Structures are given as C-alpha cells and as structure tokens.
Amino acid sequence: MRYQLHSGTAKVSESFVSYVEDRMERLLTDFSFVIATDIYLQELGDKSPTRQVRLRFQVPGETLVAEEKADNFQEAFDKALLAARRQLTRYKETIRS
C-alpha cells in the first residue's frame, strides 16, 4: 500500500474506506511512479460545502496536491481524484520528454 488515509476526527464509513482503496489501487496502477500518497479528510463545520478532501502525491522530485470541497466525502474525493489524475498525467508527459 502506497497511500495513507488521515481522517482525524471526521467519521467515515467502512464502505467509503473500501471505495477509496479501490479507486486508489486503480490510480496507482496507472501511475506506477508515485512514491507515496496521503489522503486527508476534514469536516469544515457549518460552512457549505462541509467536507474537504486533500490528496498529496509524492513523485520523484515533486509533490502534487489536489484539494476539493463538497457536501460529502465521496463527492469531494471523486473531484480531487479527477484533479490529481490530470496533474499526474501532465507530470508523466513531462518526464517522458
């Protein structure tokens, strides 16, 4: 496993954890150069949107960060994962050339 889930005081269900594991395994299969990934979940209180997900990817020579907010963790995670996938694709293209 090359990623860690940091939920702090946020309460997450077991089904969300398995969803994250599945999606991260697929992502890390596509981008094998990723050294480590940290997933931070944070509840923002009464603000709207109320959930924030931050993905931090350690790649050779750089750290890529994707952060998104939404009304629930799954939606925020999906948005952050999409942004991270774009960043990782760009990084992969730059190391190829």
N, C-alpha and C. Protein backbone atom coordinates (compact mmCIF):
# COMPACT_ATOMS: atom_id res chain seq x y z
N MET A 1 0.86 -1.18 0.00
CA MET A 1 0.00 0.00 0.00
C MET A 1 0.90 1.24 0.00
N ARG A 2 0.68 2.13 -0.95
CA ARG A 2 1.47 3.34 -1.06
C ARG A 2 0.66 4.57 -0.72
N TYR A 3 -0.36 4.42 0.09
CA TYR A 3 -1.15 5.59 0.48
C TYR A 3 -1.63 5.42 1.90
N GLN A 4 -1.90 6.56 2.56
CA GLN A 4 -2.42 6.56 3.91
C GLN A 4 -3.62 7.47 3.97
N LEU A 5 -4.62 7.04 4.71
CA LEU A 5 -5.85 7.80 4.88
C LEU A 5 -5.82 8.44 6.26
N HIS A 6 -5.90 9.77 6.29
CA HIS A 6 -5.88 10.53 7.54
C HIS A 6 -7.25 11.19 7.70
N SER A 7 -8.05 10.67 8.62
CA SER A 7 -9.39 11.23 8.77
C SER A 7 -9.51 12.14 9.99
N GLY A 8 -8.53 12.14 10.88
CA GLY A 8 -8.61 12.99 12.07
C GLY A 8 -9.86 12.67 12.87
N THR A 9 -10.68 13.68 13.13
CA THR A 9 -11.92 13.47 13.89
C THR A 9 -13.11 13.21 12.98
N ALA A 10 -12.90 13.25 11.67
CA ALA A 10 -14.00 13.00 10.73
C ALA A 10 -14.42 11.54 10.80
N LYS A 11 -15.71 11.31 10.81
CA LYS A 11 -16.24 9.95 10.85
C LYS A 11 -16.51 9.49 9.43
N VAL A 12 -15.87 8.37 9.05
CA VAL A 12 -16.06 7.81 7.72
C VAL A 12 -16.53 6.37 7.85
N SER A 13 -17.37 5.95 6.93
CA SER A 13 -17.91 4.60 6.96
C SER A 13 -16.91 3.61 6.37
N GLU A 14 -17.10 2.36 6.70
CA GLU A 14 -16.26 1.30 6.16
C GLU A 14 -16.44 1.18 4.64
N SER A 15 -17.64 1.45 4.15
CA SER A 15 -17.88 1.38 2.71
C SER A 15 -17.11 2.49 1.98
N PHE A 16 -16.99 3.66 2.59
CA PHE A 16 -16.22 4.74 1.98
C PHE A 16 -14.74 4.37 1.95
N VAL A 17 -14.25 3.77 3.02
CA VAL A 17 -12.84 3.36 3.07
C VAL A 17 -12.55 2.34 1.98
N SER A 18 -13.43 1.37 1.78
CA SER A 18 -13.21 0.37 0.72
C SER A 18 -13.32 1.02 -0.66
N TYR A 19 -14.20 2.02 -0.81
CA TYR A 19 -14.31 2.76 -2.08
C TYR A 19 -12.99 3.48 -2.37
N VAL A 20 -12.43 4.13 -1.36
CA VAL A 20 -11.16 4.84 -1.52
C VAL A 20 -10.05 3.86 -1.89
N GLU A 21 -10.00 2.73 -1.22
CA GLU A 21 -8.98 1.72 -1.51
C GLU A 21 -9.06 1.25 -2.96
N ASP A 22 -10.27 0.99 -3.43
CA ASP A 22 -10.46 0.53 -4.81
C ASP A 22 -10.00 1.58 -5.81
N ARG A 23 -10.43 2.81 -5.62
CA ARG A 23 -10.08 3.89 -6.55
C ARG A 23 -8.58 4.18 -6.53
N MET A 24 -7.97 4.14 -5.34
CA MET A 24 -6.54 4.42 -5.25
C MET A 24 -5.71 3.31 -5.88
N GLU A 25 -6.13 2.07 -5.72
CA GLU A 25 -5.40 0.97 -6.36
C GLU A 25 -5.42 1.11 -7.87
N ARG A 26 -6.57 1.50 -8.42
CA ARG A 26 -6.66 1.71 -9.88
C ARG A 26 -5.77 2.86 -10.32
N LEU A 27 -5.77 3.95 -9.56
CA LEU A 27 -4.96 5.12 -9.91
C LEU A 27 -3.47 4.78 -9.83
N LEU A 28 -3.06 4.11 -8.78
CA LEU A 28 -1.65 3.80 -8.60
C LEU A 28 -1.17 2.75 -9.58
N THR A 29 -2.07 1.96 -10.13
CA THR A 29 -1.70 1.03 -11.18
C THR A 29 -1.36 1.79 -12.46
N ASP A 30 -2.11 2.84 -12.75
CA ASP A 30 -1.86 3.65 -13.94
C ASP A 30 -0.61 4.52 -13.80
N PHE A 31 -0.31 4.94 -12.59
CA PHE A 31 0.82 5.84 -12.36
C PHE A 31 1.78 5.19 -11.36
N SER A 32 2.58 4.27 -11.86
CA SER A 32 3.47 3.47 -11.00
C SER A 32 4.63 4.28 -10.42
N PHE A 33 4.89 5.47 -10.94
CA PHE A 33 6.00 6.28 -10.45
C PHE A 33 5.67 7.00 -9.14
N VAL A 34 4.43 6.96 -8.69
CA VAL A 34 4.06 7.62 -7.44
C VAL A 34 4.73 6.90 -6.27
N ILE A 35 5.43 7.66 -5.44
CA ILE A 35 6.15 7.09 -4.32
C ILE A 35 5.22 6.86 -3.13
N ALA A 36 4.45 7.89 -2.77
CA ALA A 36 3.54 7.79 -1.62
C ALA A 36 2.40 8.78 -1.81
N THR A 37 1.27 8.47 -1.17
CA THR A 37 0.10 9.34 -1.26
C THR A 37 -0.52 9.47 0.13
N ASP A 38 -0.89 10.69 0.48
CA ASP A 38 -1.62 10.94 1.71
C ASP A 38 -2.98 11.50 1.35
N ILE A 39 -4.01 10.96 2.00
CA ILE A 39 -5.39 11.41 1.78
C ILE A 39 -5.88 12.02 3.10
N TYR A 40 -6.18 13.30 3.07
CA TYR A 40 -6.64 14.00 4.27
C TYR A 40 -8.12 14.32 4.14
N LEU A 41 -8.91 13.91 5.13
CA LEU A 41 -10.34 14.19 5.17
C LEU A 41 -10.59 15.16 6.31
N GLN A 42 -11.38 16.20 6.02
CA GLN A 42 -11.64 17.21 7.03
C GLN A 42 -13.09 17.66 6.96
N GLU A 43 -13.72 17.76 8.13
CA GLU A 43 -15.06 18.33 8.21
C GLU A 43 -14.89 19.81 8.52
N LEU A 44 -15.60 20.65 7.77
CA LEU A 44 -15.43 22.10 7.90
C LEU A 44 -16.45 22.76 8.80
N GLY A 45 -17.30 22.00 9.43
CA GLY A 45 -18.28 22.56 10.36
C GLY A 45 -19.54 23.00 9.66
N ASP A 46 -20.01 24.21 9.99
CA ASP A 46 -21.30 24.69 9.48
C ASP A 46 -21.21 25.33 8.09
N LYS A 47 -20.02 25.47 7.57
CA LYS A 47 -19.87 26.07 6.24
C LYS A 47 -20.44 25.15 5.18
N SER A 48 -20.76 25.72 4.03
CA SER A 48 -21.21 24.89 2.93
C SER A 48 -20.26 25.12 1.76
N PRO A 49 -19.67 24.17 1.14
CA PRO A 49 -19.72 22.73 1.40
C PRO A 49 -19.00 22.38 2.71
N THR A 50 -19.38 21.27 3.29
CA THR A 50 -18.93 20.94 4.64
C THR A 50 -17.83 19.90 4.72
N ARG A 51 -17.42 19.30 3.62
CA ARG A 51 -16.38 18.27 3.63
C ARG A 51 -15.26 18.65 2.66
N GLN A 52 -14.03 18.38 3.08
CA GLN A 52 -12.87 18.70 2.25
C GLN A 52 -11.97 17.47 2.17
N VAL A 53 -11.46 17.21 0.98
CA VAL A 53 -10.51 16.12 0.75
C VAL A 53 -9.27 16.71 0.09
N ARG A 54 -8.12 16.38 0.66
CA ARG A 54 -6.84 16.83 0.09
C ARG A 54 -6.00 15.59 -0.21
N LEU A 55 -5.56 15.48 -1.45
CA LEU A 55 -4.69 14.38 -1.88
C LEU A 55 -3.30 14.94 -2.11
N ARG A 56 -2.30 14.32 -1.51
CA ARG A 56 -0.92 14.76 -1.68
C ARG A 56 -0.11 13.59 -2.22
N PHE A 57 0.44 13.75 -3.42
CA PHE A 57 1.20 12.71 -4.10
C PHE A 57 2.68 13.05 -4.08
N GLN A 58 3.50 12.13 -3.59
CA GLN A 58 4.95 12.27 -3.66
C GLN A 58 5.40 11.57 -4.94
N VAL A 59 5.98 12.35 -5.85
CA VAL A 59 6.53 11.80 -7.08
C VAL A 59 8.00 12.21 -7.12
N PRO A 60 8.82 11.56 -7.91
CA PRO A 60 10.24 11.90 -7.94
C PRO A 60 10.47 13.38 -8.24
N GLY A 61 11.04 14.08 -7.28
CA GLY A 61 11.40 15.48 -7.46
C GLY A 61 10.30 16.48 -7.20
N GLU A 62 9.09 16.03 -6.86
CA GLU A 62 7.97 16.96 -6.70
C GLU A 62 6.92 16.41 -5.75
N THR A 63 6.05 17.32 -5.31
CA THR A 63 4.86 16.95 -4.55
C THR A 63 3.67 17.58 -5.25
N LEU A 64 2.68 16.77 -5.61
CA LEU A 64 1.47 17.26 -6.27
C LEU A 64 0.32 17.22 -5.27
N VAL A 65 -0.49 18.30 -5.25
CA VAL A 65 -1.59 18.40 -4.30
C VAL A 65 -2.88 18.71 -5.05
N ALA A 66 -3.93 17.99 -4.70
CA ALA A 66 -5.26 18.26 -5.23
C ALA A 66 -6.21 18.36 -4.04
N GLU A 67 -7.00 19.43 -4.02
CA GLU A 67 -7.89 19.67 -2.89
C GLU A 67 -9.26 20.07 -3.41
N GLU A 68 -10.30 19.45 -2.88
CA GLU A 68 -11.67 19.75 -3.30
C GLU A 68 -12.60 19.74 -2.10
N LYS A 69 -13.69 20.48 -2.23
CA LYS A 69 -14.72 20.54 -1.19
C LYS A 69 -16.06 20.14 -1.80
N ALA A 70 -16.89 19.51 -0.98
CA ALA A 70 -18.24 19.11 -1.42
C ALA A 70 -19.10 18.86 -0.18
N ASP A 71 -20.34 18.47 -0.43
CA ASP A 71 -21.26 18.21 0.67
C ASP A 71 -21.01 16.87 1.35
N ASN A 72 -20.34 15.93 0.66
CA ASN A 72 -20.00 14.66 1.30
C ASN A 72 -18.60 14.24 0.86
N PHE A 73 -18.00 13.33 1.61
CA PHE A 73 -16.63 12.93 1.35
C PHE A 73 -16.46 12.23 0.00
N GLN A 74 -17.41 11.43 -0.40
CA GLN A 74 -17.27 10.69 -1.66
C GLN A 74 -17.23 11.64 -2.86
N GLU A 75 -18.10 12.63 -2.87
CA GLU A 75 -18.12 13.60 -3.96
C GLU A 75 -16.83 14.42 -3.97
N ALA A 76 -16.37 14.85 -2.81
CA ALA A 76 -15.12 15.62 -2.72
C ALA A 76 -13.93 14.75 -3.14
N PHE A 77 -13.93 13.48 -2.74
CA PHE A 77 -12.85 12.57 -3.12
C PHE A 77 -12.81 12.37 -4.63
N ASP A 78 -13.98 12.17 -5.24
CA ASP A 78 -14.04 11.99 -6.70
C ASP A 78 -13.51 13.20 -7.44
N LYS A 79 -13.89 14.39 -6.99
CA LYS A 79 -13.41 15.62 -7.63
C LYS A 79 -11.90 15.77 -7.47
N ALA A 80 -11.40 15.50 -6.26
CA ALA A 80 -9.96 15.62 -6.01
C ALA A 80 -9.18 14.59 -6.80
N LEU A 81 -9.73 13.39 -6.92
CA LEU A 81 -9.07 12.33 -7.68
C LEU A 81 -8.99 12.68 -9.17
N LEU A 82 -10.03 13.29 -9.69
CA LEU A 82 -10.02 13.72 -11.08
C LEU A 82 -8.96 14.79 -11.32
N ALA A 83 -8.87 15.76 -10.39
CA ALA A 83 -7.85 16.81 -10.50
C ALA A 83 -6.45 16.21 -10.37
N ALA A 84 -6.29 15.26 -9.48
CA ALA A 84 -4.99 14.61 -9.30
C ALA A 84 -4.60 13.81 -10.53
N ARG A 85 -5.56 13.13 -11.13
CA ARG A 85 -5.28 12.36 -12.35
C ARG A 85 -4.76 13.28 -13.46
N ARG A 86 -5.37 14.47 -13.60
CA ARG A 86 -4.89 15.43 -14.61
C ARG A 86 -3.46 15.85 -14.30
N GLN A 87 -3.17 16.15 -13.04
CA GLN A 87 -1.81 16.56 -12.66
C GLN A 87 -0.80 15.45 -12.90
N LEU A 88 -1.16 14.23 -12.54
CA LEU A 88 -0.26 13.10 -12.72
C LEU A 88 -0.02 12.81 -14.20
N THR A 89 -1.05 12.98 -15.02
CA THR A 89 -0.89 12.80 -16.47
C THR A 89 0.08 13.84 -17.03
N ARG A 90 -0.09 15.09 -16.61
CA ARG A 90 0.83 16.15 -17.05
C ARG A 90 2.25 15.86 -16.60
N TYR A 91 2.41 15.41 -15.36
CA TYR A 91 3.74 15.09 -14.85
C TYR A 91 4.36 13.95 -15.65
N LYS A 92 3.56 12.93 -15.95
CA LYS A 92 4.06 11.79 -16.71
C LYS A 92 4.51 12.21 -18.10
N GLU A 93 3.78 13.13 -18.73
CA GLU A 93 4.17 13.62 -20.06
C GLU A 93 5.46 14.41 -19.99
N THR A 94 5.68 15.17 -18.93
CA THR A 94 6.91 15.96 -18.83
C THR A 94 8.13 15.09 -18.58
N ILE A 95 7.97 13.98 -17.82
CA ILE A 95 9.15 13.14 -17.59
C ILE A 95 9.47 12.27 -18.80
N ARG A 96 8.50 12.07 -19.67
CA ARG A 96 8.76 11.31 -20.90
C ARG A 96 9.56 12.12 -21.91
N SER A 97 9.36 13.43 -21.92
CA SER A 97 10.03 14.24 -22.94
C SER A 97 11.35 14.78 -22.47
